[in-house]
Amino acid sequence: MDASDQLVRLITILGEIVADPSFWIGLTTVLMFSLARFNERQRDEEEIDPPIPARAFTTRFRYQLAALTYAGCYALGYGALIILGSFPFSQDILIGLIGAIKDQKIGSPAWAAMAVTTILPFLGPFQRLDSALRVRLQDFASIPLKARRLANEIVVGVRTSHNNVPDSEFYAVLIDCIARLKGSPRLSAQRAYIRFFGSYQYVLDNLAQLAGGPPVGNGKQIADLPHGQWEKIFKRLSRLIACAVLNVESDEFDAREVLVRELTIPGIEPSNWRFTNSQIGLGVIIVIVCVVTGIVGASTYRLGTYRGTVLTIGLVMTTAQKATLIGVLAIPMFILPLVFAAGVQMYLLDRRGQGNPLEWHERLLARVFTFGGSFSLSFLPALAIAAIGARGGTVMILRWLPWAIPPAAVATLFVVQSMWRLTEIGWLNAVVDFLTHATMALLTTWVALNLSKAAGIEPEAFFGLPADTFDFVAEVTAVVTGGTLGALQCGVSRRIVTG
């Protein structure tokens, strides 16, 4: 069997695997395990950080980026075990490495899921590799540096407003900051802060015990502690406050706003870029509306040009139903890469804020990494769409692989273009953003169309559209969706950069 035959067999095996429902069940198990594992903190060299999960030490999007990347590595390992277990020559190696799992066939999704979640993470070499990967990705997400830097700003700011006060009074001021957060005028935030500090009350109890009891606010030290011991208490307490605002607020911009407006701490630097939950919600609405509008509008227009085709309400409604399903499935294809790309951008901004900006070649590699990660995240939903369409048959992976290119390209262009603007005129910037993103979406969709056709995709069988109509619908939908998504997302993020 030559190399081309082996490649064809491998692709066929992959198609059969992703069409099996047990593959997706096993993948879900692996993802849940890896996400929970990533939230575990690594060793704290300073022994000052509060002993709480990793999620609280950075912003939501930074954490999601790193956690999804970590989970993606586990998913790749899961898939690799299934593939290797499908070949007789590698099964003996796997048995020697992992051992047999009772009642599970080597190469099955259940066997691979059990191996990835219960055996490999605790084997010496893999355990060290897993630990190194987790440390690297937590550093990438600024865990715990984001909370530490913000805590340092809190201490400096409070010292500025309460200069030359005794250590006990300074401790009392930090405790009062927690009380004010728990009494936030925003009811949803108030409940979240009460829940956060209630979950980690043991940290506050421990600090109070070290300090000799609750602060009395009488200008005298509560306990006869050396100043160095008080400094450790202040660091841990300020880091707990930083973790609280990073955990509760939607992003770093809002977290810093809370420290300034609600706690009136001076000297807190504003964030220079943001990506929030509202932008994700906005993106979801944009994708489904634009996809449905583009498919229905383009297909009815094109079908209306054919002789003998009569446009009826029934035909339009049938097209709208299919378009809605595609729109729903397209949401993760576009939104997951967008979130990933925003996370990479935040890492680059963190590097700049730490006085360690990237060189030009490092920035280039960062953009390549952005595209590659966005492509991987977009391809998984595309596989799910293909598996649904296969109805239990074999999924032809090469036919669907190219369709992850347009969302990845739009997400990468978004983070590049959102950092600059052409003019001071808002509507002109929006036009430029729309045209550039629409052009990128059109070009990459043309590439995806030709690659998927070369792989043998049959639009009429899957989508119920003639090939030329399918091309037209795909290109129009890509222009509308990519252009609108890029323009609105750039407008929201760029306003923070330049405002």
Protein backbone atom coordinates (compact mmCIF):
# COMPACT_ATOMS: atom_id res chain seq x y z
CA MET A 1 0.00 0.00 0.00
CA ASP A 2 1.60 3.29 -1.10
CA ALA A 3 1.44 6.62 0.74
CA SER A 4 -1.58 7.91 -1.19
CA ASP A 5 -3.59 4.77 -0.39
CA GLN A 6 -2.68 5.09 3.28
CA LEU A 7 -3.78 8.73 3.25
CA VAL A 8 -7.10 7.85 1.65
CA ARG A 9 -7.64 5.09 4.23
CA LEU A 10 -6.81 7.48 7.06
CA ILE A 11 -9.28 10.07 5.78
CA THR A 12 -11.94 7.38 5.40
CA ILE A 13 -11.33 6.24 8.99
CA LEU A 14 -11.63 9.84 10.20
CA GLY A 15 -14.91 10.24 8.38
CA GLU A 16 -16.31 7.08 9.95
CA ILE A 17 -15.13 8.18 13.40
CA VAL A 18 -16.78 11.62 13.40
CA ALA A 19 -20.03 10.11 12.10
CA ASP A 20 -20.19 7.86 15.19
CA PRO A 21 -22.24 9.45 18.05
CA SER A 22 -19.96 7.82 20.63
CA PHE A 23 -17.09 9.97 19.30
CA TRP A 24 -18.92 13.14 20.29
CA ILE A 25 -19.89 11.69 23.68
CA GLY A 26 -16.25 10.84 24.38
CA LEU A 27 -15.10 14.23 23.12
CA THR A 28 -17.54 15.98 25.47
CA THR A 29 -16.19 13.94 28.40
CA VAL A 30 -12.60 14.83 27.51
CA LEU A 31 -13.41 18.53 27.14
CA MET A 32 -15.22 18.69 30.50
CA PHE A 33 -12.31 16.92 32.23
CA SER A 34 -9.65 19.16 30.69
CA LEU A 35 -11.52 22.38 31.42
CA ALA A 36 -11.92 21.42 35.09
CA ARG A 37 -8.24 20.43 35.26
CA PHE A 38 -7.07 23.71 33.77
CA ASN A 39 -8.82 25.64 36.55
CA GLU A 40 -6.42 24.12 39.11
CA ARG A 41 -3.73 26.52 40.25
CA GLN A 42 -0.05 25.69 39.88
CA ARG A 43 2.40 26.11 42.76
CA ASP A 44 2.64 29.68 44.12
CA GLU A 45 6.31 30.50 44.59
CA GLU A 46 5.54 33.59 46.68
CA GLU A 47 2.98 31.80 48.88
CA ILE A 48 0.98 35.05 48.93
CA ASP A 49 -1.70 34.48 46.30
CA PRO A 50 -5.06 33.54 47.83
CA PRO A 51 -5.69 29.78 47.42
CA ILE A 52 -8.55 30.04 44.92
CA PRO A 53 -9.09 28.63 41.38
CA ALA A 54 -7.13 29.95 38.43
CA ARG A 55 -10.16 31.47 36.75
CA ALA A 56 -10.30 34.35 39.27
CA PHE A 57 -6.76 35.54 38.52
CA THR A 58 -7.47 36.90 35.07
CA THR A 59 -10.27 38.22 32.87
CA ARG A 60 -12.97 36.02 31.44
CA PHE A 61 -11.74 36.08 27.85
CA ARG A 62 -8.11 35.54 28.68
CA TYR A 63 -9.07 32.52 30.72
CA GLN A 64 -11.40 31.16 28.04
CA LEU A 65 -8.71 31.45 25.40
CA ALA A 66 -6.15 29.51 27.42
CA ALA A 67 -8.68 26.96 28.73
CA LEU A 68 -10.03 26.24 25.24
CA THR A 69 -6.50 25.84 23.90
CA TYR A 70 -5.69 23.43 26.72
CA ALA A 71 -8.92 21.52 26.09
CA GLY A 72 -8.10 21.48 22.38
CA CYS A 73 -4.78 19.77 23.13
CA TYR A 74 -6.63 17.11 25.09
CA ALA A 75 -9.09 16.73 22.22
CA LEU A 76 -6.20 16.25 19.78
CA GLY A 77 -4.75 13.58 22.06
CA TYR A 78 -8.15 11.90 22.20
CA GLY A 79 -8.44 11.90 18.42
CA ALA A 80 -4.85 10.69 17.99
CA LEU A 81 -5.47 7.68 20.27
CA ILE A 82 -8.56 6.72 18.27
CA ILE A 83 -6.67 6.95 14.98
CA LEU A 84 -3.61 5.06 16.24
CA GLY A 85 -5.84 2.43 17.80
CA SER A 86 -7.41 1.81 14.39
CA PHE A 87 -4.15 0.43 12.96
CA PRO A 88 -2.96 -3.05 14.02
CA PHE A 89 0.75 -2.13 13.98
CA SER A 90 0.25 0.59 16.64
CA GLN A 91 -2.14 -1.30 18.92
CA ASP A 92 0.65 -3.28 20.59
CA ILE A 93 2.52 -0.03 21.30
CA LEU A 94 -0.58 1.49 22.88
CA ILE A 95 -1.13 -1.59 25.06
CA GLY A 96 2.46 -1.40 26.28
CA LEU A 97 2.14 2.33 26.95
CA ILE A 98 -1.35 2.59 28.40
CA GLY A 99 -2.34 -0.97 29.12
CA ALA A 100 -5.63 -2.69 28.44
CA ILE A 101 -8.84 -1.14 29.73
CA LYS A 102 -11.45 -3.65 30.82
CA ASP A 103 -14.39 -4.12 28.44
CA GLN A 104 -13.09 -1.46 26.06
CA LYS A 105 -11.81 -2.12 22.56
CA ILE A 106 -8.53 -0.41 21.68
CA GLY A 107 -9.21 2.47 19.30
CA SER A 108 -12.83 2.94 20.33
CA PRO A 109 -13.94 6.43 21.49
CA ALA A 110 -14.77 5.10 24.97
CA TRP A 111 -11.29 3.55 25.31
CA ALA A 112 -9.59 6.76 24.14
CA ALA A 113 -11.68 8.94 26.47
CA MET A 114 -10.86 6.76 29.49
CA ALA A 115 -7.17 6.72 28.58
CA VAL A 116 -7.00 10.50 28.22
CA THR A 117 -8.90 11.28 31.43
CA THR A 118 -7.85 8.53 33.86
CA ILE A 119 -4.46 7.13 32.79
CA LEU A 120 -2.26 9.44 30.71
CA PRO A 121 -2.46 12.54 32.98
CA PHE A 122 -0.94 10.48 35.82
CA LEU A 123 1.87 8.75 33.90
CA GLY A 124 5.31 10.27 34.52
CA PRO A 125 6.27 11.75 31.10
CA PHE A 126 2.71 12.77 30.22
CA GLN A 127 2.15 14.25 33.67
CA ARG A 128 5.22 16.46 33.25
CA LEU A 129 4.12 17.44 29.74
CA ASP A 130 0.62 18.25 31.00
CA SER A 131 1.98 20.35 33.86
CA ALA A 132 4.32 22.28 31.55
CA LEU A 133 1.50 22.92 29.07
CA ARG A 134 -0.82 24.14 31.82
CA VAL A 135 1.83 26.48 33.24
CA ARG A 136 2.59 27.89 29.79
CA LEU A 137 -1.06 28.50 28.94
CA GLN A 138 -1.81 30.01 32.34
CA ASP A 139 1.11 32.38 31.78
CA PHE A 140 -0.35 33.12 28.34
CA ALA A 141 -3.63 34.07 30.04
CA SER A 142 -1.73 36.28 32.52
CA ILE A 143 -2.50 33.92 35.40
CA PRO A 144 -1.69 35.07 38.05
CA LEU A 145 0.11 38.18 36.73
CA LYS A 146 -3.08 40.04 35.81
CA ALA A 147 -4.42 39.87 39.38
CA ARG A 148 -0.99 40.62 40.88
CA ARG A 149 -0.48 43.72 38.75
CA LEU A 150 -3.96 44.99 39.49
CA ALA A 151 -3.43 44.28 43.21
CA ASN A 152 -0.21 46.31 43.15
CA GLU A 153 -2.14 49.24 41.64
CA ILE A 154 -4.77 48.86 44.39
CA VAL A 155 -2.12 48.99 47.16
CA VAL A 156 -0.35 51.98 45.60
CA GLY A 157 -3.64 53.81 45.08
CA VAL A 158 -4.87 53.19 48.63
CA ARG A 159 -1.51 54.31 50.04
CA THR A 160 -1.81 57.49 47.98
CA SER A 161 -5.21 58.31 49.47
CA HIS A 162 -4.28 57.12 52.98
CA ASN A 163 -0.71 58.26 53.38
CA ASN A 164 1.23 57.66 56.60
CA VAL A 165 -1.52 55.67 58.32
CA PRO A 166 -0.76 52.77 60.69
CA ASP A 167 -0.74 49.28 59.23
CA SER A 168 -3.93 48.35 61.11
CA GLU A 169 -5.81 51.28 59.57
CA PHE A 170 -4.50 50.42 56.11
CA TYR A 171 -5.78 46.87 56.67
CA ALA A 172 -9.13 48.33 57.72
CA VAL A 173 -9.33 50.34 54.48
CA LEU A 174 -8.80 47.20 52.38
CA ILE A 175 -11.47 45.35 54.39
CA ASP A 176 -13.80 48.31 53.76
CA CYS A 177 -13.16 47.95 50.01
CA ILE A 178 -14.53 44.42 50.23
CA ALA A 179 -17.57 45.66 52.16
CA ARG A 180 -18.24 48.31 49.50
CA LEU A 181 -17.99 45.74 46.72
CA LYS A 182 -20.51 43.54 48.56
CA GLY A 183 -22.74 46.59 48.80
CA SER A 184 -22.40 47.57 45.15
CA PRO A 185 -25.32 49.68 43.85
CA ARG A 186 -25.57 47.28 40.89
CA LEU A 187 -27.75 44.51 42.27
CA SER A 188 -26.45 41.73 40.00
CA ALA A 189 -22.86 42.68 40.81
CA GLN A 190 -23.73 42.93 44.51
CA ARG A 191 -25.02 39.37 44.53
CA ALA A 192 -21.97 38.17 42.59
CA TYR A 193 -19.53 39.82 45.03
CA ILE A 194 -21.39 38.44 48.05
CA ARG A 195 -21.25 34.99 46.47
CA PHE A 196 -17.54 35.34 45.60
CA PHE A 197 -16.38 36.49 49.03
CA GLY A 198 -18.71 33.99 50.68
CA SER A 199 -17.06 31.18 48.74
CA TYR A 200 -13.62 32.28 49.91
CA GLN A 201 -14.48 33.44 53.43
CA TYR A 202 -11.79 31.12 54.73
CA VAL A 203 -9.18 33.38 53.10
CA LEU A 204 -10.53 36.41 54.96
CA ASP A 205 -10.76 34.43 58.20
CA ASN A 206 -7.14 33.36 57.84
CA LEU A 207 -6.00 36.95 57.21
CA ALA A 208 -8.01 38.21 60.18
CA GLN A 209 -6.38 35.59 62.36
CA LEU A 210 -2.93 36.63 61.17
CA ALA A 211 -3.80 40.25 61.87
CA GLY A 212 -5.00 39.39 65.38
CA GLY A 213 -8.71 39.93 64.79
CA PRO A 214 -11.04 42.26 62.88
CA PRO A 215 -9.82 45.81 62.30
CA VAL A 216 -10.77 48.22 65.07
CA GLY A 217 -10.04 51.41 63.16
CA ASN A 218 -8.56 53.19 66.19
CA GLY A 219 -5.21 53.95 64.65
CA LYS A 220 -3.43 51.22 66.59
CA GLN A 221 -2.10 47.96 65.25
CA ILE A 222 -4.36 45.02 66.00
CA ALA A 223 -1.44 42.73 66.56
CA ASP A 224 2.18 43.43 67.30
CA LEU A 225 3.36 42.34 63.85
CA PRO A 226 6.51 43.35 62.00
CA HIS A 227 5.84 45.61 59.02
CA GLY A 228 7.00 42.86 56.64
CA GLN A 229 4.27 40.55 57.93
CA TRP A 230 1.68 43.27 57.41
CA GLU A 231 2.91 43.70 53.83
CA LYS A 232 2.24 40.03 53.14
CA ILE A 233 -1.28 40.42 54.53
CA PHE A 234 -1.86 43.51 52.38
CA LYS A 235 -0.63 41.71 49.27
CA ARG A 236 -2.90 38.70 49.78
CA LEU A 237 -5.90 40.88 50.64
CA SER A 238 -5.40 43.19 47.66
CA ARG A 239 -4.99 40.18 45.37
CA LEU A 240 -8.27 38.78 46.68
CA ILE A 241 -9.94 42.10 45.82
CA ALA A 242 -8.35 42.05 42.36
CA CYS A 243 -9.50 38.47 41.82
CA ALA A 244 -13.01 39.46 42.86
CA VAL A 245 -13.37 42.28 40.32
CA LEU A 246 -11.74 40.22 37.57
CA ASN A 247 -14.07 37.33 38.32
CA VAL A 248 -17.32 39.32 38.62
CA GLU A 249 -16.92 42.06 36.01
CA SER A 250 -17.23 41.27 32.32
CA ASP A 251 -13.72 42.38 31.37
CA GLU A 252 -10.68 44.32 32.57
CA PHE A 253 -12.14 47.62 31.41
CA ASP A 254 -15.15 47.21 33.72
CA ALA A 255 -13.00 45.86 36.55
CA ARG A 256 -10.81 48.96 36.51
CA GLU A 257 -13.87 51.20 36.23
CA VAL A 258 -15.27 49.63 39.42
CA LEU A 259 -12.05 50.27 41.32
CA VAL A 260 -12.13 53.93 40.28
CA ARG A 261 -15.85 54.73 40.52
CA GLU A 262 -17.14 52.52 43.32
CA LEU A 263 -14.02 52.19 45.48
CA THR A 264 -12.58 55.63 44.53
CA ILE A 265 -9.03 54.26 44.39
CA PRO A 266 -6.74 56.78 42.65
CA GLY A 267 -4.08 55.88 40.12
CA ILE A 268 -5.85 52.92 38.47
CA GLU A 269 -4.91 52.96 34.80
CA PRO A 270 -7.80 52.51 32.33
CA SER A 271 -7.81 49.49 30.03
CA ASN A 272 -6.87 50.24 26.42
CA TRP A 273 -8.91 47.54 24.64
CA ARG A 274 -11.98 45.51 25.42
CA PHE A 275 -14.04 42.57 24.27
CA THR A 276 -17.18 41.88 26.28
CA ASN A 277 -20.11 39.51 26.57
CA SER A 278 -22.23 42.09 24.79
CA GLN A 279 -19.95 41.77 21.77
CA ILE A 280 -20.46 38.02 21.78
CA GLY A 281 -24.22 38.53 21.98
CA LEU A 282 -23.99 41.10 19.20
CA GLY A 283 -21.97 38.66 17.12
CA VAL A 284 -24.53 35.89 17.60
CA ILE A 285 -27.32 38.19 16.40
CA ILE A 286 -25.26 39.40 13.44
CA VAL A 287 -24.35 35.88 12.31
CA ILE A 288 -27.82 34.38 12.40
CA VAL A 289 -29.56 37.45 10.91
CA CYS A 290 -27.00 37.94 8.16
CA VAL A 291 -26.75 34.24 7.29
CA VAL A 292 -30.53 33.83 7.09
CA THR A 293 -30.97 37.08 5.17
CA GLY A 294 -28.12 36.31 2.81
CA ILE A 295 -29.24 32.75 2.06
CA VAL A 296 -32.93 33.57 1.64
CA GLY A 297 -32.33 36.74 -0.35
CA ALA A 298 -29.61 35.34 -2.64
CA SER A 299 -31.28 31.97 -3.26
CA THR A 300 -34.75 33.38 -3.99
CA TYR A 301 -33.22 36.00 -6.29
CA ARG A 302 -31.13 33.45 -8.15
CA LEU A 303 -33.83 30.82 -8.37
CA GLY A 304 -36.23 33.49 -9.66
CA THR A 305 -33.97 33.98 -12.70
CA TYR A 306 -34.48 30.38 -13.83
CA ARG A 307 -37.09 29.72 -16.46
CA GLY A 308 -40.01 27.67 -15.24
CA THR A 309 -39.29 28.47 -11.57
CA VAL A 310 -42.16 30.19 -9.80
CA LEU A 311 -41.39 31.82 -6.49
CA THR A 312 -44.07 30.94 -3.97
CA ILE A 313 -44.47 31.54 -0.25
CA GLY A 314 -43.92 27.81 0.28
CA LEU A 315 -40.57 27.91 -1.54
CA VAL A 316 -39.43 30.95 0.39
CA MET A 317 -40.49 29.40 3.72
CA THR A 318 -38.68 26.15 2.91
CA THR A 319 -35.54 28.12 2.07
CA ALA A 320 -35.90 30.15 5.26
CA GLN A 321 -36.14 26.98 7.38
CA LYS A 322 -32.92 25.59 5.90
CA ALA A 323 -31.27 29.00 6.23
CA THR A 324 -32.22 29.23 9.90
CA LEU A 325 -30.68 25.83 10.64
CA ILE A 326 -27.50 26.80 8.82
CA GLY A 327 -27.49 30.16 10.64
CA VAL A 328 -27.71 28.48 14.04
CA LEU A 329 -24.90 26.08 13.15
CA ALA A 330 -22.82 28.96 11.76
CA ILE A 331 -22.85 30.79 15.11
CA PRO A 332 -20.07 28.72 16.74
CA MET A 333 -18.14 28.71 13.46
CA PHE A 334 -17.83 32.51 13.61
CA ILE A 335 -18.07 33.30 17.32
CA LEU A 336 -15.51 30.81 18.67
CA PRO A 337 -12.74 32.15 16.38
CA LEU A 338 -13.74 35.71 17.28
CA VAL A 339 -13.37 35.02 21.00
CA PHE A 340 -10.06 33.22 20.43
CA ALA A 341 -8.68 36.09 18.34
CA ALA A 342 -9.74 38.63 20.98
CA GLY A 343 -7.91 36.60 23.61
CA VAL A 344 -4.70 36.63 21.59
CA GLN A 345 -5.04 40.38 21.21
CA MET A 346 -5.35 40.76 24.98
CA TYR A 347 -2.16 38.75 25.44
CA LEU A 348 -0.30 41.08 23.07
CA LEU A 349 -1.62 44.08 24.99
CA ASP A 350 -0.53 42.49 28.27
CA ARG A 351 2.98 42.07 26.88
CA ARG A 352 3.00 45.73 25.91
CA GLY A 353 1.70 46.75 29.34
CA GLN A 354 4.49 44.78 31.03
CA GLY A 355 7.07 46.72 29.04
CA ASN A 356 7.84 43.69 26.90
CA PRO A 357 6.31 44.39 23.47
CA LEU A 358 6.66 41.83 20.69
CA GLU A 359 9.14 42.21 17.86
CA TRP A 360 7.80 42.32 14.31
CA HIS A 361 8.46 38.63 13.71
CA GLU A 362 6.79 37.74 17.00
CA ARG A 363 3.72 39.77 16.01
CA LEU A 364 3.66 37.95 12.67
CA LEU A 365 3.81 34.59 14.44
CA ALA A 366 1.05 35.77 16.77
CA ARG A 367 -1.21 36.47 13.78
CA VAL A 368 -0.39 33.09 12.27
CA PHE A 369 -1.21 31.50 15.61
CA THR A 370 -4.46 33.50 15.72
CA PHE A 371 -5.49 32.21 12.31
CA GLY A 372 -4.48 28.63 13.09
CA GLY A 373 -6.34 28.54 16.39
CA SER A 374 -9.38 30.24 14.87
CA PHE A 375 -9.35 27.73 12.02
CA SER A 376 -9.29 24.79 14.44
CA LEU A 377 -12.15 26.18 16.51
CA SER A 378 -14.23 26.87 13.41
CA PHE A 379 -13.58 23.45 11.90
CA LEU A 380 -15.09 21.53 14.82
CA PRO A 381 -18.60 23.02 14.31
CA ALA A 382 -18.17 22.44 10.57
CA LEU A 383 -17.54 18.77 11.32
CA ALA A 384 -20.69 18.69 13.44
CA ILE A 385 -22.68 20.14 10.52
CA ALA A 386 -21.19 17.51 8.23
CA ALA A 387 -22.00 14.72 10.69
CA ILE A 388 -25.62 15.85 10.85
CA GLY A 389 -25.83 15.91 7.08
CA ALA A 390 -24.21 12.47 6.78
CA ARG A 391 -27.10 10.88 8.73
CA GLY A 392 -24.95 8.08 10.08
CA GLY A 393 -22.83 7.70 6.94
CA THR A 394 -19.17 8.56 6.43
CA VAL A 395 -18.22 12.24 6.74
CA MET A 396 -15.94 13.41 3.92
CA ILE A 397 -13.64 15.61 5.98
CA LEU A 398 -11.73 17.19 3.09
CA ARG A 399 -15.00 18.52 1.69
CA TRP A 400 -15.66 20.46 4.90
CA LEU A 401 -12.15 21.43 5.98
CA PRO A 402 -12.00 24.56 3.73
CA TRP A 403 -15.14 26.06 5.28
CA ALA A 404 -13.23 26.94 8.44
CA ILE A 405 -11.07 29.37 6.43
CA PRO A 406 -13.52 32.33 6.07
CA PRO A 407 -14.43 32.62 9.79
CA ALA A 408 -10.76 32.32 10.78
CA ALA A 409 -9.74 34.99 8.28
CA VAL A 410 -12.47 37.40 9.42
CA ALA A 411 -11.52 36.93 13.10
CA THR A 412 -7.82 37.51 12.40
CA LEU A 413 -8.53 40.64 10.34
CA PHE A 414 -10.79 41.96 13.12
CA VAL A 415 -8.07 42.02 15.79
CA VAL A 416 -5.56 43.58 13.39
CA GLN A 417 -7.87 46.29 12.09
CA SER A 418 -9.53 47.12 15.42
CA MET A 419 -6.23 48.62 16.65
CA TRP A 420 -6.23 51.48 14.15
CA ARG A 421 -8.65 53.77 12.36
CA LEU A 422 -8.48 55.58 9.05
CA THR A 423 -10.13 58.87 10.00
CA GLU A 424 -11.87 60.63 12.87
CA ILE A 425 -15.20 60.19 11.03
CA GLY A 426 -17.06 57.27 12.57
CA TRP A 427 -19.27 56.35 9.63
CA LEU A 428 -16.30 56.39 7.23
CA ASN A 429 -14.39 54.02 9.49
CA ALA A 430 -17.43 51.75 9.56
CA VAL A 431 -17.56 51.73 5.74
CA VAL A 432 -13.85 50.88 5.52
CA ASP A 433 -14.27 48.12 8.11
CA PHE A 434 -17.23 46.67 6.23
CA LEU A 435 -15.48 46.72 2.86
CA THR A 436 -12.23 45.17 4.12
CA HIS A 437 -13.94 42.40 6.08
CA ALA A 438 -16.43 41.75 3.29
CA THR A 439 -13.59 41.50 0.77
CA MET A 440 -11.69 39.11 3.02
CA ALA A 441 -14.82 36.98 3.50
CA LEU A 442 -15.51 36.93 -0.24
CA LEU A 443 -11.98 35.92 -1.22
CA THR A 444 -11.71 33.18 1.40
CA THR A 445 -15.18 31.87 0.54
CA TRP A 446 -14.13 31.63 -3.10
CA VAL A 447 -11.09 29.62 -1.97
CA ALA A 448 -13.27 27.40 0.23
CA LEU A 449 -15.74 26.81 -2.60
CA ASN A 450 -13.06 25.69 -5.02
CA LEU A 451 -11.26 23.50 -2.49
CA SER A 452 -14.48 21.79 -1.36
CA LYS A 453 -15.51 21.24 -4.99
CA ALA A 454 -12.13 19.69 -5.72
CA ALA A 455 -12.76 17.37 -2.77
CA GLY A 456 -16.10 16.35 -4.28
CA ILE A 457 -18.75 18.29 -2.34
CA GLU A 458 -22.25 18.05 -3.83
CA PRO A 459 -24.24 21.21 -3.04
CA GLU A 460 -27.45 19.88 -4.55
CA ALA A 461 -27.38 16.74 -2.43
CA PHE A 462 -26.60 18.48 0.84
CA PHE A 463 -28.13 21.95 0.44
CA GLY A 464 -30.75 21.28 -2.23
CA LEU A 465 -29.29 23.98 -4.50
CA PRO A 466 -27.76 23.82 -7.99
CA ALA A 467 -23.99 24.29 -7.99
CA ASP A 468 -24.00 27.78 -9.55
CA THR A 469 -26.75 28.97 -7.21
CA PHE A 470 -24.89 27.55 -4.24
CA ASP A 471 -21.76 29.53 -5.22
CA PHE A 472 -23.75 32.74 -5.51
CA VAL A 473 -25.55 32.19 -2.20
CA ALA A 474 -22.34 31.33 -0.35
CA GLU A 475 -20.50 34.40 -1.64
CA VAL A 476 -23.35 36.83 -0.95
CA THR A 477 -23.87 35.40 2.54
CA ALA A 478 -20.15 35.63 3.27
CA VAL A 479 -20.00 39.29 2.18
CA VAL A 480 -23.02 40.28 4.29
CA THR A 481 -21.99 38.29 7.36
CA GLY A 482 -18.24 38.97 7.33
CA GLY A 483 -18.59 42.66 6.49
CA THR A 484 -21.27 43.40 9.10
CA LEU A 485 -19.57 41.34 11.82
CA GLY A 486 -16.19 42.97 11.25
CA ALA A 487 -17.52 46.52 11.04
CA LEU A 488 -19.60 46.41 14.23
CA GLN A 489 -17.00 44.52 16.28
CA CYS A 490 -14.21 46.89 15.20
CA GLY A 491 -16.41 49.87 16.02
CA VAL A 492 -16.99 48.71 19.60
CA SER A 493 -13.39 47.73 20.35
CA ARG A 494 -11.72 50.62 18.54
CA ARG A 495 -13.81 53.17 20.41
CA ILE A 496 -12.07 52.04 23.59
CA VAL A 497 -8.59 52.11 22.01
CA THR A 498 -8.88 55.63 20.65
CA GLY A 499 -11.38 57.14 23.05
